[in-house]
Amino acid sequence: MPIFETNQDAAEFLGWCTVFNIGLMTFSMAVLITMRDRIAAIHGRLFDLEPPHLKRAYFRYLANYKLLTLVFNAIPYVALKLCS
């Protein structure tokens, strides 16, 4: 039994996944920007990292999240929309 009855159902699912992931990424970015010092202090103690390393880790996290959202949600969504 297929998960989705039509390509349109799959495209709609991927579209909502893309919206949700972009919203979560935007929220994460906003929290990191507005509460940078508090979050860096907590993560610095937890993972024994210096502030320059934390900035790099935050950037890598957001970049990877964006890339994964594009590859697994947005691009398949566009491909399904173009096919139907």
PDB file of N, CA and C in Angstrom:
ATOM      1  N   MET A   1       0.846  -1.171   0.000  1.00  0.00           N
ATOM      2  CA  MET A   1       0.000   0.000   0.000  1.00  0.00           C
ATOM      3  C   MET A   1       0.900   1.245   0.000  1.00  0.00           C
ATOM      4  N   PRO A   2       0.748   2.119  -0.978  1.00  0.00           N
ATOM      5  CA  PRO A   2       1.599   3.315  -1.051  1.00  0.00           C
ATOM      6  C   PRO A   2       1.259   4.312   0.051  1.00  0.00           C
ATOM      7  N   ILE A   3       2.251   5.062   0.433  1.00  0.00           N
ATOM      8  CA  ILE A   3       2.049   6.083   1.459  1.00  0.00           C
ATOM      9  C   ILE A   3       1.203   7.227   0.917  1.00  0.00           C
ATOM     10  N   PHE A   4       1.493   7.628  -0.313  1.00  0.00           N
ATOM     11  CA  PHE A   4       0.760   8.723  -0.952  1.00  0.00           C
ATOM     12  C   PHE A   4       0.001   8.179  -2.148  1.00  0.00           C
ATOM     13  N   GLU A   5      -1.219   8.612  -2.303  1.00  0.00           N
ATOM     14  CA  GLU A   5      -2.053   8.152  -3.417  1.00  0.00           C
ATOM     15  C   GLU A   5      -1.596   8.758  -4.741  1.00  0.00           C
ATOM     16  N   THR A   6      -1.189  10.006  -4.727  1.00  0.00           N
ATOM     17  CA  THR A   6      -0.780  10.688  -5.955  1.00  0.00           C
ATOM     18  C   THR A   6       0.494  11.482  -5.702  1.00  0.00           C
ATOM     19  N   ASN A   7       1.105  11.927  -6.809  1.00  0.00           N
ATOM     20  CA  ASN A   7       2.261  12.813  -6.693  1.00  0.00           C
ATOM     21  C   ASN A   7       1.874  14.129  -6.040  1.00  0.00           C
ATOM     22  N   GLN A   8       0.638  14.544  -6.236  1.00  0.00           N
ATOM     23  CA  GLN A   8       0.162  15.788  -5.627  1.00  0.00           C
ATOM     24  C   GLN A   8       0.170  15.683  -4.103  1.00  0.00           C
ATOM     25  N   ASP A   9      -0.216  14.524  -3.567  1.00  0.00           N
ATOM     26  CA  ASP A   9      -0.182  14.319  -2.116  1.00  0.00           C
ATOM     27  C   ASP A   9       1.250  14.385  -1.598  1.00  0.00           C
ATOM     28  N   ALA A  10       2.171  13.754  -2.320  1.00  0.00           N
ATOM     29  CA  ALA A  10       3.580  13.778  -1.920  1.00  0.00           C
ATOM     30  C   ALA A  10       4.138  15.191  -2.000  1.00  0.00           C
ATOM     31  N   ALA A  11       3.766  15.922  -3.045  1.00  0.00           N
ATOM     32  CA  ALA A  11       4.236  17.303  -3.192  1.00  0.00           C
ATOM     33  C   ALA A  11       3.698  18.176  -2.066  1.00  0.00           C
ATOM     34  N   GLU A  12       2.447  17.993  -1.707  1.00  0.00           N
ATOM     35  CA  GLU A  12       1.876  18.770  -0.609  1.00  0.00           C
ATOM     36  C   GLU A  12       2.590  18.471   0.702  1.00  0.00           C
ATOM     37  N   PHE A  13       2.869  17.192   0.956  1.00  0.00           N
ATOM     38  CA  PHE A  13       3.602  16.804   2.163  1.00  0.00           C
ATOM     39  C   PHE A  13       4.988  17.444   2.190  1.00  0.00           C
ATOM     40  N   LEU A  14       5.709  17.360   1.078  1.00  0.00           N
ATOM     41  CA  LEU A  14       7.051  17.938   1.022  1.00  0.00           C
ATOM     42  C   LEU A  14       7.010  19.463   1.141  1.00  0.00           C
ATOM     43  N   GLY A  15       5.972  20.075   0.588  1.00  0.00           N
ATOM     44  CA  GLY A  15       5.819  21.520   0.725  1.00  0.00           C
ATOM     45  C   GLY A  15       5.661  21.935   2.182  1.00  0.00           C
ATOM     46  N   TRP A  16       4.826  21.209   2.923  1.00  0.00           N
ATOM     47  CA  TRP A  16       4.649  21.530   4.340  1.00  0.00           C
ATOM     48  C   TRP A  16       5.902  21.210   5.142  1.00  0.00           C
ATOM     49  N   CYS A  17       6.599  20.151   4.783  1.00  0.00           N
ATOM     50  CA  CYS A  17       7.873  19.850   5.443  1.00  0.00           C
ATOM     51  C   CYS A  17       8.870  20.981   5.229  1.00  0.00           C
ATOM     52  N   THR A  18       8.908  21.518   4.017  1.00  0.00           N
ATOM     53  CA  THR A  18       9.811  22.624   3.712  1.00  0.00           C
ATOM     54  C   THR A  18       9.451  23.846   4.542  1.00  0.00           C
ATOM     55  N   VAL A  19       8.176  24.179   4.607  1.00  0.00           N
ATOM     56  CA  VAL A  19       7.732  25.330   5.400  1.00  0.00           C
ATOM     57  C   VAL A  19       8.096  25.137   6.870  1.00  0.00           C
ATOM     58  N   PHE A  20       7.838  23.967   7.407  1.00  0.00           N
ATOM     59  CA  PHE A  20       8.146  23.679   8.811  1.00  0.00           C
ATOM     60  C   PHE A  20       9.647  23.786   9.070  1.00  0.00           C
ATOM     61  N   ASN A  21      10.462  23.201   8.208  1.00  0.00           N
ATOM     62  CA  ASN A  21      11.909  23.226   8.406  1.00  0.00           C
ATOM     63  C   ASN A  21      12.492  24.625   8.262  1.00  0.00           C
ATOM     64  N   ILE A  22      11.993  25.411   7.324  1.00  0.00           N
ATOM     65  CA  ILE A  22      12.471  26.785   7.188  1.00  0.00           C
ATOM     66  C   ILE A  22      12.055  27.600   8.413  1.00  0.00           C
ATOM     67  N   GLY A  23      10.866  27.366   8.925  1.00  0.00           N
ATOM     68  CA  GLY A  23      10.430  28.040  10.149  1.00  0.00           C
ATOM     69  C   GLY A  23      11.300  27.678  11.341  1.00  0.00           C
ATOM     70  N   LEU A  24      11.621  26.398  11.476  1.00  0.00           N
ATOM     71  CA  LEU A  24      12.474  25.957  12.573  1.00  0.00           C
ATOM     72  C   LEU A  24      13.885  26.521  12.438  1.00  0.00           C
ATOM     73  N   MET A  25      14.391  26.567  11.218  1.00  0.00           N
ATOM     74  CA  MET A  25      15.709  27.136  10.982  1.00  0.00           C
ATOM     75  C   MET A  25      15.713  28.633  11.311  1.00  0.00           C
ATOM     76  N   THR A  26      14.672  29.335  10.913  1.00  0.00           N
ATOM     77  CA  THR A  26      14.565  30.762  11.200  1.00  0.00           C
ATOM     78  C   THR A  26      14.477  31.003  12.703  1.00  0.00           C
ATOM     79  N   PHE A  27      13.698  30.188  13.390  1.00  0.00           N
ATOM     80  CA  PHE A  27      13.592  30.300  14.848  1.00  0.00           C
ATOM     81  C   PHE A  27      14.948  30.050  15.506  1.00  0.00           C
ATOM     82  N   SER A  28      15.651  29.008  15.075  1.00  0.00           N
ATOM     83  CA  SER A  28      16.973  28.702  15.630  1.00  0.00           C
ATOM     84  C   SER A  28      17.938  29.853  15.407  1.00  0.00           C
ATOM     85  N   MET A  29      17.907  30.415  14.209  1.00  0.00           N
ATOM     86  CA  MET A  29      18.786  31.531  13.887  1.00  0.00           C
ATOM     87  C   MET A  29      18.439  32.745  14.754  1.00  0.00           C
ATOM     88  N   ALA A  30      17.170  33.030  14.924  1.00  0.00           N
ATOM     89  CA  ALA A  30      16.758  34.170  15.743  1.00  0.00           C
ATOM     90  C   ALA A  30      17.177  33.989  17.199  1.00  0.00           C
ATOM     91  N   VAL A  31      17.019  32.785  17.722  1.00  0.00           N
ATOM     92  CA  VAL A  31      17.428  32.515  19.102  1.00  0.00           C
ATOM     93  C   VAL A  31      18.934  32.655  19.242  1.00  0.00           C
ATOM     94  N   LEU A  32      19.688  32.126  18.286  1.00  0.00           N
ATOM     95  CA  LEU A  32      21.142  32.244  18.354  1.00  0.00           C
ATOM     96  C   LEU A  32      21.604  33.695  18.262  1.00  0.00           C
ATOM     97  N   ILE A  33      20.922  34.497  17.465  1.00  0.00           N
ATOM     98  CA  ILE A  33      21.307  35.903  17.326  1.00  0.00           C
ATOM     99  C   ILE A  33      20.946  36.701  18.584  1.00  0.00           C
ATOM    100  N   THR A  34      19.751  36.493  19.106  1.00  0.00           N
ATOM    101  CA  THR A  34      19.295  37.314  20.229  1.00  0.00           C
ATOM    102  C   THR A  34      19.851  36.863  21.577  1.00  0.00           C
ATOM    103  N   MET A  35      20.142  35.590  21.722  1.00  0.00           N
ATOM    104  CA  MET A  35      20.612  35.066  23.003  1.00  0.00           C
ATOM    105  C   MET A  35      22.002  34.441  22.882  1.00  0.00           C
ATOM    106  N   ARG A  36      22.817  34.985  22.000  1.00  0.00           N
ATOM    107  CA  ARG A  36      24.114  34.389  21.688  1.00  0.00           C
ATOM    108  C   ARG A  36      24.982  34.164  22.918  1.00  0.00           C
ATOM    109  N   ASP A  37      25.104  35.163  23.771  1.00  0.00           N
ATOM    110  CA  ASP A  37      26.002  35.056  24.918  1.00  0.00           C
ATOM    111  C   ASP A  37      25.546  33.990  25.913  1.00  0.00           C
ATOM    112  N   ARG A  38      24.254  33.972  26.209  1.00  0.00           N
ATOM    113  CA  ARG A  38      23.741  32.973  27.161  1.00  0.00           C
ATOM    114  C   ARG A  38      23.880  31.564  26.606  1.00  0.00           C
ATOM    115  N   ILE A  39      23.543  31.383  25.342  1.00  0.00           N
ATOM    116  CA  ILE A  39      23.631  30.055  24.731  1.00  0.00           C
ATOM    117  C   ILE A  39      25.084  29.624  24.607  1.00  0.00           C
ATOM    118  N   ALA A  40      25.954  30.557  24.231  1.00  0.00           N
ATOM    119  CA  ALA A  40      27.378  30.226  24.101  1.00  0.00           C
ATOM    120  C   ALA A  40      27.965  29.832  25.450  1.00  0.00           C
ATOM    121  N   ALA A  41      27.542  30.488  26.506  1.00  0.00           N
ATOM    122  CA  ALA A  41      28.039  30.128  27.838  1.00  0.00           C
ATOM    123  C   ALA A  41      27.607  28.716  28.222  1.00  0.00           C
ATOM    124  N   ILE A  42      26.360  28.392  27.952  1.00  0.00           N
ATOM    125  CA  ILE A  42      25.858  27.050  28.278  1.00  0.00           C
ATOM    126  C   ILE A  42      26.573  25.996  27.443  1.00  0.00           C
ATOM    127  N   HIS A  43      26.633  26.200  26.130  1.00  0.00           N
ATOM    128  CA  HIS A  43      27.281  25.223  25.262  1.00  0.00           C
ATOM    129  C   HIS A  43      28.785  25.152  25.514  1.00  0.00           C
ATOM    130  N   GLY A  44      29.391  26.277  25.845  1.00  0.00           N
ATOM    131  CA  GLY A  44      30.816  26.277  26.156  1.00  0.00           C
ATOM    132  C   GLY A  44      31.130  25.403  27.355  1.00  0.00           C
ATOM    133  N   ARG A  45      30.286  25.492  28.383  1.00  0.00           N
ATOM    134  CA  ARG A  45      30.486  24.640  29.564  1.00  0.00           C
ATOM    135  C   ARG A  45      30.159  23.184  29.267  1.00  0.00           C
ATOM    136  N   LEU A  46      29.090  22.951  28.517  1.00  0.00           N
ATOM    137  CA  LEU A  46      28.689  21.574  28.218  1.00  0.00           C
ATOM    138  C   LEU A  46      29.726  20.827  27.389  1.00  0.00           C
ATOM    139  N   PHE A  47      30.230  21.471  26.350  1.00  0.00           N
ATOM    140  CA  PHE A  47      31.098  20.792  25.396  1.00  0.00           C
ATOM    141  C   PHE A  47      32.554  21.239  25.483  1.00  0.00           C
ATOM    142  N   ASP A  48      32.870  22.071  26.463  1.00  0.00           N
ATOM    143  CA  ASP A  48      34.231  22.547  26.675  1.00  0.00           C
ATOM    144  C   ASP A  48      34.811  23.160  25.403  1.00  0.00           C
ATOM    145  N   LEU A  49      34.056  24.141  24.854  1.00  0.00           N
ATOM    146  CA  LEU A  49      34.473  24.822  23.637  1.00  0.00           C
ATOM    147  C   LEU A  49      34.663  26.307  23.903  1.00  0.00           C
ATOM    148  N   GLU A  50      35.610  26.888  23.193  1.00  0.00           N
ATOM    149  CA  GLU A  50      35.856  28.321  23.272  1.00  0.00           C
ATOM    150  C   GLU A  50      34.865  29.066  22.358  1.00  0.00           C
ATOM    151  N   PRO A  51      34.580  30.339  22.623  1.00  0.00           N
ATOM    152  CA  PRO A  51      33.627  31.101  21.798  1.00  0.00           C
ATOM    153  C   PRO A  51      33.906  31.087  20.292  1.00  0.00           C
ATOM    154  N   PRO A  52      35.161  31.191  19.817  1.00  0.00           N
ATOM    155  CA  PRO A  52      35.360  31.129  18.362  1.00  0.00           C
ATOM    156  C   PRO A  52      34.949  29.772  17.767  1.00  0.00           C
ATOM    157  N   HIS A  53      35.175  28.701  18.521  1.00  0.00           N
ATOM    158  CA  HIS A  53      34.778  27.374  18.052  1.00  0.00           C
ATOM    159  C   HIS A  53      33.259  27.227  18.053  1.00  0.00           C
ATOM    160  N   LEU A  54      32.616  27.849  19.036  1.00  0.00           N
ATOM    161  CA  LEU A  54      31.153  27.799  19.091  1.00  0.00           C
ATOM    162  C   LEU A  54      30.530  28.539  17.917  1.00  0.00           C
ATOM    163  N   LYS A  55      31.073  29.697  17.564  1.00  0.00           N
ATOM    164  CA  LYS A  55      30.549  30.436  16.416  1.00  0.00           C
ATOM    165  C   LYS A  55      30.648  29.593  15.153  1.00  0.00           C
ATOM    166  N   ARG A  56      31.760  28.918  14.978  1.00  0.00           N
ATOM    167  CA  ARG A  56      31.941  28.053  13.819  1.00  0.00           C
ATOM    168  C   ARG A  56      30.956  26.886  13.856  1.00  0.00           C
ATOM    169  N   ALA A  57      30.737  26.322  15.041  1.00  0.00           N
ATOM    170  CA  ALA A  57      29.794  25.209  15.180  1.00  0.00           C
ATOM    171  C   ALA A  57      28.365  25.655  14.885  1.00  0.00           C
ATOM    172  N   TYR A  58      27.992  26.849  15.356  1.00  0.00           N
ATOM    173  CA  TYR A  58      26.645  27.358  15.070  1.00  0.00           C
ATOM    174  C   TYR A  58      26.454  27.596  13.577  1.00  0.00           C
ATOM    175  N   PHE A  59      27.459  28.182  12.950  1.00  0.00           N
ATOM    176  CA  PHE A  59      27.369  28.427  11.512  1.00  0.00           C
ATOM    177  C   PHE A  59      27.260  27.109  10.754  1.00  0.00           C
ATOM    178  N   ARG A  60      28.056  26.126  11.139  1.00  0.00           N
ATOM    179  CA  ARG A  60      28.025  24.811  10.479  1.00  0.00           C
ATOM    180  C   ARG A  60      26.663  24.145  10.666  1.00  0.00           C
ATOM    181  N   TYR A  61      26.101  24.263  11.876  1.00  0.00           N
ATOM    182  CA  TYR A  61      24.780  23.700  12.147  1.00  0.00           C
ATOM    183  C   TYR A  61      23.723  24.310  11.228  1.00  0.00           C
ATOM    184  N   LEU A  62      23.691  25.644  11.155  1.00  0.00           N
ATOM    185  CA  LEU A  62      22.691  26.306  10.317  1.00  0.00           C
ATOM    186  C   LEU A  62      22.915  26.013   8.835  1.00  0.00           C
ATOM    187  N   ALA A  63      24.164  25.970   8.401  1.00  0.00           N
ATOM    188  CA  ALA A  63      24.455  25.671   6.994  1.00  0.00           C
ATOM    189  C   ALA A  63      24.035  24.245   6.641  1.00  0.00           C
ATOM    190  N   ASN A  64      24.342  23.290   7.494  1.00  0.00           N
ATOM    191  CA  ASN A  64      23.950  21.904   7.240  1.00  0.00           C
ATOM    192  C   ASN A  64      22.436  21.739   7.256  1.00  0.00           C
ATOM    193  N   TYR A  65      21.776  22.410   8.185  1.00  0.00           N
ATOM    194  CA  TYR A  65      20.313  22.336   8.262  1.00  0.00           C
ATOM    195  C   TYR A  65      19.680  22.879   6.986  1.00  0.00           C
ATOM    196  N   LYS A  66      20.205  24.008   6.518  1.00  0.00           N
ATOM    197  CA  LYS A  66      19.680  24.604   5.281  1.00  0.00           C
ATOM    198  C   LYS A  66      19.908  23.681   4.095  1.00  0.00           C
ATOM    199  N   LEU A  67      21.092  23.119   4.000  1.00  0.00           N
ATOM    200  CA  LEU A  67      21.408  22.214   2.894  1.00  0.00           C
ATOM    201  C   LEU A  67      20.519  20.977   2.921  1.00  0.00           C
ATOM    202  N   LEU A  68      20.335  20.381   4.085  1.00  0.00           N
ATOM    203  CA  LEU A  68      19.484  19.194   4.189  1.00  0.00           C
ATOM    204  C   LEU A  68      18.023  19.517   3.878  1.00  0.00           C
ATOM    205  N   THR A  69      17.565  20.692   4.292  1.00  0.00           N
ATOM    206  CA  THR A  69      16.194  21.097   3.973  1.00  0.00           C
ATOM    207  C   THR A  69      16.012  21.245   2.469  1.00  0.00           C
ATOM    208  N   LEU A  70      16.988  21.836   1.820  1.00  0.00           N
ATOM    209  CA  LEU A  70      16.910  21.977   0.360  1.00  0.00           C
ATOM    210  C   LEU A  70      16.931  20.628  -0.338  1.00  0.00           C
ATOM    211  N   VAL A  71      17.878  19.780   0.047  1.00  0.00           N
ATOM    212  CA  VAL A  71      18.071  18.498  -0.654  1.00  0.00           C
ATOM    213  C   VAL A  71      16.905  17.541  -0.422  1.00  0.00           C
ATOM    214  N   PHE A  72      16.409  17.462   0.804  1.00  0.00           N
ATOM    215  CA  PHE A  72      15.400  16.450   1.108  1.00  0.00           C
ATOM    216  C   PHE A  72      13.959  16.952   1.100  1.00  0.00           C
ATOM    217  N   ASN A  73      13.754  18.265   1.044  1.00  0.00           N
ATOM    218  CA  ASN A  73      12.390  18.793   1.042  1.00  0.00           C
ATOM    219  C   ASN A  73      12.093  19.678  -0.154  1.00  0.00           C
ATOM    220  N   ALA A  74      12.848  20.750  -0.308  1.00  0.00           N
ATOM    221  CA  ALA A  74      12.517  21.758  -1.316  1.00  0.00           C
ATOM    222  C   ALA A  74      12.739  21.257  -2.740  1.00  0.00           C
ATOM    223  N   ILE A  75      13.862  20.640  -3.014  1.00  0.00           N
ATOM    224  CA  ILE A  75      14.139  20.171  -4.377  1.00  0.00           C
ATOM    225  C   ILE A  75      13.183  19.057  -4.800  1.00  0.00           C
ATOM    226  N   PRO A  76      12.913  18.037  -3.960  1.00  0.00           N
ATOM    227  CA  PRO A  76      11.888  17.045  -4.349  1.00  0.00           C
ATOM    228  C   PRO A  76      10.514  17.670  -4.548  1.00  0.00           C
ATOM    229  N   TYR A  77      10.162  18.673  -3.738  1.00  0.00           N
ATOM    230  CA  TYR A  77       8.890  19.359  -3.888  1.00  0.00           C
ATOM    231  C   TYR A  77       8.798  20.010  -5.275  1.00  0.00           C
ATOM    232  N   VAL A  78       9.835  20.733  -5.658  1.00  0.00           N
ATOM    233  CA  VAL A  78       9.855  21.394  -6.965  1.00  0.00           C
ATOM    234  C   VAL A  78       9.803  20.362  -8.093  1.00  0.00           C
ATOM    235  N   ALA A  79      10.552  19.265  -7.932  1.00  0.00           N
ATOM    236  CA  ALA A  79      10.546  18.217  -8.965  1.00  0.00           C
ATOM    237  C   ALA A  79       9.159  17.603  -9.131  1.00  0.00           C
ATOM    238  N   LEU A  80       8.483  17.336  -8.040  1.00  0.00           N
ATOM    239  CA  LEU A  80       7.135  16.775  -8.137  1.00  0.00           C
ATOM    240  C   LEU A  80       6.153  17.779  -8.729  1.00  0.00           C
ATOM    241  N   LYS A  81       6.315  19.045  -8.398  1.00  0.00           N
ATOM    242  CA  LYS A  81       5.430  20.064  -8.985  1.00  0.00           C
ATOM    243  C   LYS A  81       5.649  20.181 -10.493  1.00  0.00           C
ATOM    244  N   LEU A  82       6.904  20.061 -10.922  1.00  0.00           N
ATOM    245  CA  LEU A  82       7.182  20.145 -12.345  1.00  0.00           C
ATOM    246  C   LEU A  82       6.677  18.917 -13.112  1.00  0.00           C
ATOM    247  N   CYS A  83       6.648  17.767 -12.436  1.00  0.00           N
ATOM    248  CA  CYS A  83       6.192  16.527 -13.093  1.00  0.00           C
ATOM    249  C   CYS A  83       4.669  16.463 -13.204  1.00  0.00           C
ATOM    250  N   SER A  84       3.963  17.178 -12.344  1.00  0.00           N
ATOM    251  CA  SER A  84       2.495  17.048 -12.385  1.00  0.00           C
ATOM    252  C   SER A  84       1.826  18.199 -13.097  1.00  0.00           C
TER     253      SER A  84
END
